[in-house]
Amino acid sequence: MGQLERVPGVQNWIERLPAALRAAWNRSIIYRAAVHMVNGCEHIVATGDVKQWPGPQQVNPKSVAECVDALAVWESMKAAAHAKKG
Protein backbone atom coordinates (compact mmCIF):
# COMPACT_ATOMS: atom_id res chain seq x y z
CA MET A 1 0.00 0.00 0.00
CA GLY A 2 1.40 3.40 -0.94
CA GLN A 3 1.85 6.09 1.63
CA LEU A 4 0.72 9.65 1.05
CA GLU A 5 2.82 12.49 2.35
CA ARG A 6 0.86 14.76 4.68
CA VAL A 7 1.08 18.46 3.93
CA PRO A 8 -0.65 21.27 5.84
CA GLY A 9 -4.26 22.03 4.98
CA VAL A 10 -7.46 20.17 4.26
CA GLN A 11 -6.73 17.18 2.02
CA ASN A 12 -9.75 14.94 1.91
CA TRP A 13 -13.51 15.18 1.63
CA ILE A 14 -14.10 14.08 5.23
CA GLU A 15 -12.04 17.01 6.54
CA ARG A 16 -14.11 19.39 4.38
CA LEU A 17 -17.47 18.22 5.76
CA PRO A 18 -19.50 20.56 7.93
CA ALA A 19 -19.19 19.78 11.64
CA ALA A 20 -22.59 18.04 11.85
CA LEU A 21 -21.72 15.67 9.00
CA ARG A 22 -18.28 14.95 10.46
CA ALA A 23 -20.01 14.06 13.73
CA ALA A 24 -22.38 11.75 11.82
CA TRP A 25 -19.35 10.10 10.19
CA ASN A 26 -17.85 9.46 13.62
CA ARG A 27 -21.07 7.64 14.57
CA SER A 28 -21.23 5.63 11.32
CA ILE A 29 -20.77 1.89 10.97
CA ILE A 30 -17.72 2.37 8.73
CA TYR A 31 -15.96 4.43 11.39
CA ARG A 32 -16.96 1.88 14.06
CA ALA A 33 -15.58 -0.93 11.89
CA ALA A 34 -12.24 0.90 11.72
CA VAL A 35 -12.23 1.29 15.51
CA HIS A 36 -12.96 -2.44 15.93
CA MET A 37 -10.08 -3.26 13.61
CA VAL A 38 -7.78 -1.07 15.68
CA ASN A 39 -8.92 -2.78 18.87
CA GLY A 40 -8.23 -6.16 17.24
CA CYS A 41 -4.72 -5.03 16.28
CA GLU A 42 -4.08 -3.80 19.81
CA HIS A 43 -5.11 -7.21 21.16
CA ILE A 44 -2.87 -9.05 18.67
CA VAL A 45 0.12 -6.86 19.55
CA ALA A 46 -0.45 -7.25 23.29
CA THR A 47 -1.17 -11.00 23.38
CA GLY A 48 -0.22 -12.61 20.05
CA ASP A 49 -3.76 -14.03 20.03
CA VAL A 50 -6.84 -13.27 17.92
CA LYS A 51 -9.89 -12.16 19.92
CA GLN A 52 -12.75 -13.52 17.86
CA TRP A 53 -11.53 -17.10 17.37
CA PRO A 54 -12.03 -19.76 20.03
CA GLY A 55 -9.00 -21.23 21.74
CA PRO A 56 -5.48 -19.84 21.76
CA GLN A 57 -4.09 -18.69 18.42
CA GLN A 58 -0.52 -17.92 17.47
CA VAL A 59 -0.36 -14.89 15.17
CA ASN A 60 2.73 -14.95 12.98
CA PRO A 61 5.39 -12.29 13.58
CA LYS A 62 4.85 -10.60 10.19
CA SER A 63 1.17 -10.05 11.00
CA VAL A 64 2.05 -8.71 14.45
CA ALA A 65 4.51 -6.28 12.82
CA GLU A 66 1.79 -5.16 10.37
CA CYS A 67 -0.50 -4.50 13.34
CA VAL A 68 2.22 -2.47 15.06
CA ASP A 69 2.67 -0.38 11.90
CA ALA A 70 -1.09 0.10 11.50
CA LEU A 71 -1.40 1.25 15.11
CA ALA A 72 1.42 3.74 14.62
CA VAL A 73 -0.44 5.24 11.64
CA TRP A 74 -3.71 5.31 13.63
CA GLU A 75 -2.03 7.10 16.56
CA SER A 76 -0.43 9.61 14.16
CA MET A 77 -3.83 10.32 12.63
CA LYS A 78 -5.37 10.83 16.07
CA ALA A 79 -2.56 13.15 17.13
CA ALA A 80 -2.90 15.20 13.95
CA ALA A 81 -6.67 15.49 14.43
CA HIS A 82 -6.27 16.57 18.05
CA ALA A 83 -3.56 19.10 17.18
CA LYS A 84 -5.86 20.57 14.56
CA LYS A 85 -8.62 21.15 17.16
CA GLY A 86 -6.36 22.97 19.60
C-alpha atoms as a PDB file:
ATOM      1  CA  MET A   1       0.000   0.000   0.000  1.00  0.00           C
ATOM      2  CA  GLY A   2       1.401   3.395  -0.941  1.00  0.00           C
ATOM      3  CA  GLN A   3       1.854   6.090   1.633  1.00  0.00           C
ATOM      4  CA  LEU A   4       0.721   9.651   1.050  1.00  0.00           C
ATOM      5  CA  GLU A   5       2.817  12.486   2.346  1.00  0.00           C
ATOM      6  CA  ARG A   6       0.857  14.761   4.678  1.00  0.00           C
ATOM      7  CA  VAL A   7       1.079  18.460   3.931  1.00  0.00           C
ATOM      8  CA  PRO A   8      -0.650  21.268   5.838  1.00  0.00           C
ATOM      9  CA  GLY A   9      -4.255  22.026   4.983  1.00  0.00           C
ATOM     10  CA  VAL A  10      -7.461  20.168   4.257  1.00  0.00           C
ATOM     11  CA  GLN A  11      -6.731  17.183   2.023  1.00  0.00           C
ATOM     12  CA  ASN A  12      -9.754  14.936   1.908  1.00  0.00           C
ATOM     13  CA  TRP A  13     -13.510  15.184   1.631  1.00  0.00           C
ATOM     14  CA  ILE A  14     -14.101  14.084   5.232  1.00  0.00           C
ATOM     15  CA  GLU A  15     -12.044  17.010   6.543  1.00  0.00           C
ATOM     16  CA  ARG A  16     -14.110  19.388   4.376  1.00  0.00           C
ATOM     17  CA  LEU A  17     -17.465  18.215   5.759  1.00  0.00           C
ATOM     18  CA  PRO A  18     -19.503  20.563   7.935  1.00  0.00           C
ATOM     19  CA  ALA A  19     -19.187  19.776  11.642  1.00  0.00           C
ATOM     20  CA  ALA A  20     -22.587  18.037  11.848  1.00  0.00           C
ATOM     21  CA  LEU A  21     -21.723  15.667   8.998  1.00  0.00           C
ATOM     22  CA  ARG A  22     -18.276  14.949  10.460  1.00  0.00           C
ATOM     23  CA  ALA A  23     -20.013  14.061  13.731  1.00  0.00           C
ATOM     24  CA  ALA A  24     -22.383  11.753  11.823  1.00  0.00           C
ATOM     25  CA  TRP A  25     -19.349  10.100  10.190  1.00  0.00           C
ATOM     26  CA  ASN A  26     -17.850   9.462  13.618  1.00  0.00           C
ATOM     27  CA  ARG A  27     -21.075   7.639  14.568  1.00  0.00           C
ATOM     28  CA  SER A  28     -21.233   5.630  11.323  1.00  0.00           C
ATOM     29  CA  ILE A  29     -20.773   1.890  10.972  1.00  0.00           C
ATOM     30  CA  ILE A  30     -17.720   2.368   8.735  1.00  0.00           C
ATOM     31  CA  TYR A  31     -15.958   4.431  11.390  1.00  0.00           C
ATOM     32  CA  ARG A  32     -16.962   1.885  14.058  1.00  0.00           C
ATOM     33  CA  ALA A  33     -15.575  -0.932  11.891  1.00  0.00           C
ATOM     34  CA  ALA A  34     -12.244   0.898  11.723  1.00  0.00           C
ATOM     35  CA  VAL A  35     -12.227   1.287  15.506  1.00  0.00           C
ATOM     36  CA  HIS A  36     -12.963  -2.436  15.934  1.00  0.00           C
ATOM     37  CA  MET A  37     -10.077  -3.264  13.615  1.00  0.00           C
ATOM     38  CA  VAL A  38      -7.775  -1.067  15.681  1.00  0.00           C
ATOM     39  CA  ASN A  39      -8.916  -2.784  18.867  1.00  0.00           C
ATOM     40  CA  GLY A  40      -8.229  -6.160  17.237  1.00  0.00           C
ATOM     41  CA  CYS A  41      -4.722  -5.032  16.283  1.00  0.00           C
ATOM     42  CA  GLU A  42      -4.079  -3.796  19.811  1.00  0.00           C
ATOM     43  CA  HIS A  43      -5.114  -7.211  21.156  1.00  0.00           C
ATOM     44  CA  ILE A  44      -2.875  -9.048  18.672  1.00  0.00           C
ATOM     45  CA  VAL A  45       0.119  -6.864  19.546  1.00  0.00           C
ATOM     46  CA  ALA A  46      -0.449  -7.254  23.290  1.00  0.00           C
ATOM     47  CA  THR A  47      -1.173 -10.996  23.377  1.00  0.00           C
ATOM     48  CA  GLY A  48      -0.221 -12.614  20.052  1.00  0.00           C
ATOM     49  CA  ASP A  49      -3.761 -14.031  20.026  1.00  0.00           C
ATOM     50  CA  VAL A  50      -6.836 -13.266  17.917  1.00  0.00           C
ATOM     51  CA  LYS A  51      -9.891 -12.163  19.920  1.00  0.00           C
ATOM     52  CA  GLN A  52     -12.746 -13.525  17.860  1.00  0.00           C
ATOM     53  CA  TRP A  53     -11.528 -17.103  17.373  1.00  0.00           C
ATOM     54  CA  PRO A  54     -12.026 -19.764  20.033  1.00  0.00           C
ATOM     55  CA  GLY A  55      -8.996 -21.230  21.738  1.00  0.00           C
ATOM     56  CA  PRO A  56      -5.482 -19.841  21.763  1.00  0.00           C
ATOM     57  CA  GLN A  57      -4.086 -18.685  18.419  1.00  0.00           C
ATOM     58  CA  GLN A  58      -0.516 -17.925  17.467  1.00  0.00           C
ATOM     59  CA  VAL A  59      -0.363 -14.887  15.173  1.00  0.00           C
ATOM     60  CA  ASN A  60       2.730 -14.955  12.975  1.00  0.00           C
ATOM     61  CA  PRO A  61       5.386 -12.289  13.579  1.00  0.00           C
ATOM     62  CA  LYS A  62       4.853 -10.600  10.194  1.00  0.00           C
ATOM     63  CA  SER A  63       1.168 -10.047  11.001  1.00  0.00           C
ATOM     64  CA  VAL A  64       2.047  -8.711  14.449  1.00  0.00           C
ATOM     65  CA  ALA A  65       4.511  -6.285  12.820  1.00  0.00           C
ATOM     66  CA  GLU A  66       1.792  -5.162  10.369  1.00  0.00           C
ATOM     67  CA  CYS A  67      -0.502  -4.504  13.343  1.00  0.00           C
ATOM     68  CA  VAL A  68       2.222  -2.474  15.064  1.00  0.00           C
ATOM     69  CA  ASP A  69       2.672  -0.379  11.901  1.00  0.00           C
ATOM     70  CA  ALA A  70      -1.093   0.105  11.498  1.00  0.00           C
ATOM     71  CA  LEU A  71      -1.405   1.246  15.114  1.00  0.00           C
ATOM     72  CA  ALA A  72       1.425   3.743  14.617  1.00  0.00           C
ATOM     73  CA  VAL A  73      -0.443   5.243  11.643  1.00  0.00           C
ATOM     74  CA  TRP A  74      -3.712   5.314  13.634  1.00  0.00           C
ATOM     75  CA  GLU A  75      -2.026   7.104  16.558  1.00  0.00           C
ATOM     76  CA  SER A  76      -0.427   9.607  14.160  1.00  0.00           C
ATOM     77  CA  MET A  77      -3.834  10.320  12.626  1.00  0.00           C
ATOM     78  CA  LYS A  78      -5.371  10.826  16.066  1.00  0.00           C
ATOM     79  CA  ALA A  79      -2.555  13.150  17.125  1.00  0.00           C
ATOM     80  CA  ALA A  80      -2.904  15.198  13.948  1.00  0.00           C
ATOM     81  CA  ALA A  81      -6.667  15.488  14.430  1.00  0.00           C
ATOM     82  CA  HIS A  82      -6.272  16.568  18.054  1.00  0.00           C
ATOM     83  CA  ALA A  83      -3.558  19.096  17.183  1.00  0.00           C
ATOM     84  CA  LYS A  84      -5.857  20.574  14.557  1.00  0.00           C
ATOM     85  CA  LYS A  85      -8.616  21.152  17.158  1.00  0.00           C
ATOM     86  CA  GLY A  86      -6.362  22.969  19.605  1.00  0.00           C
END
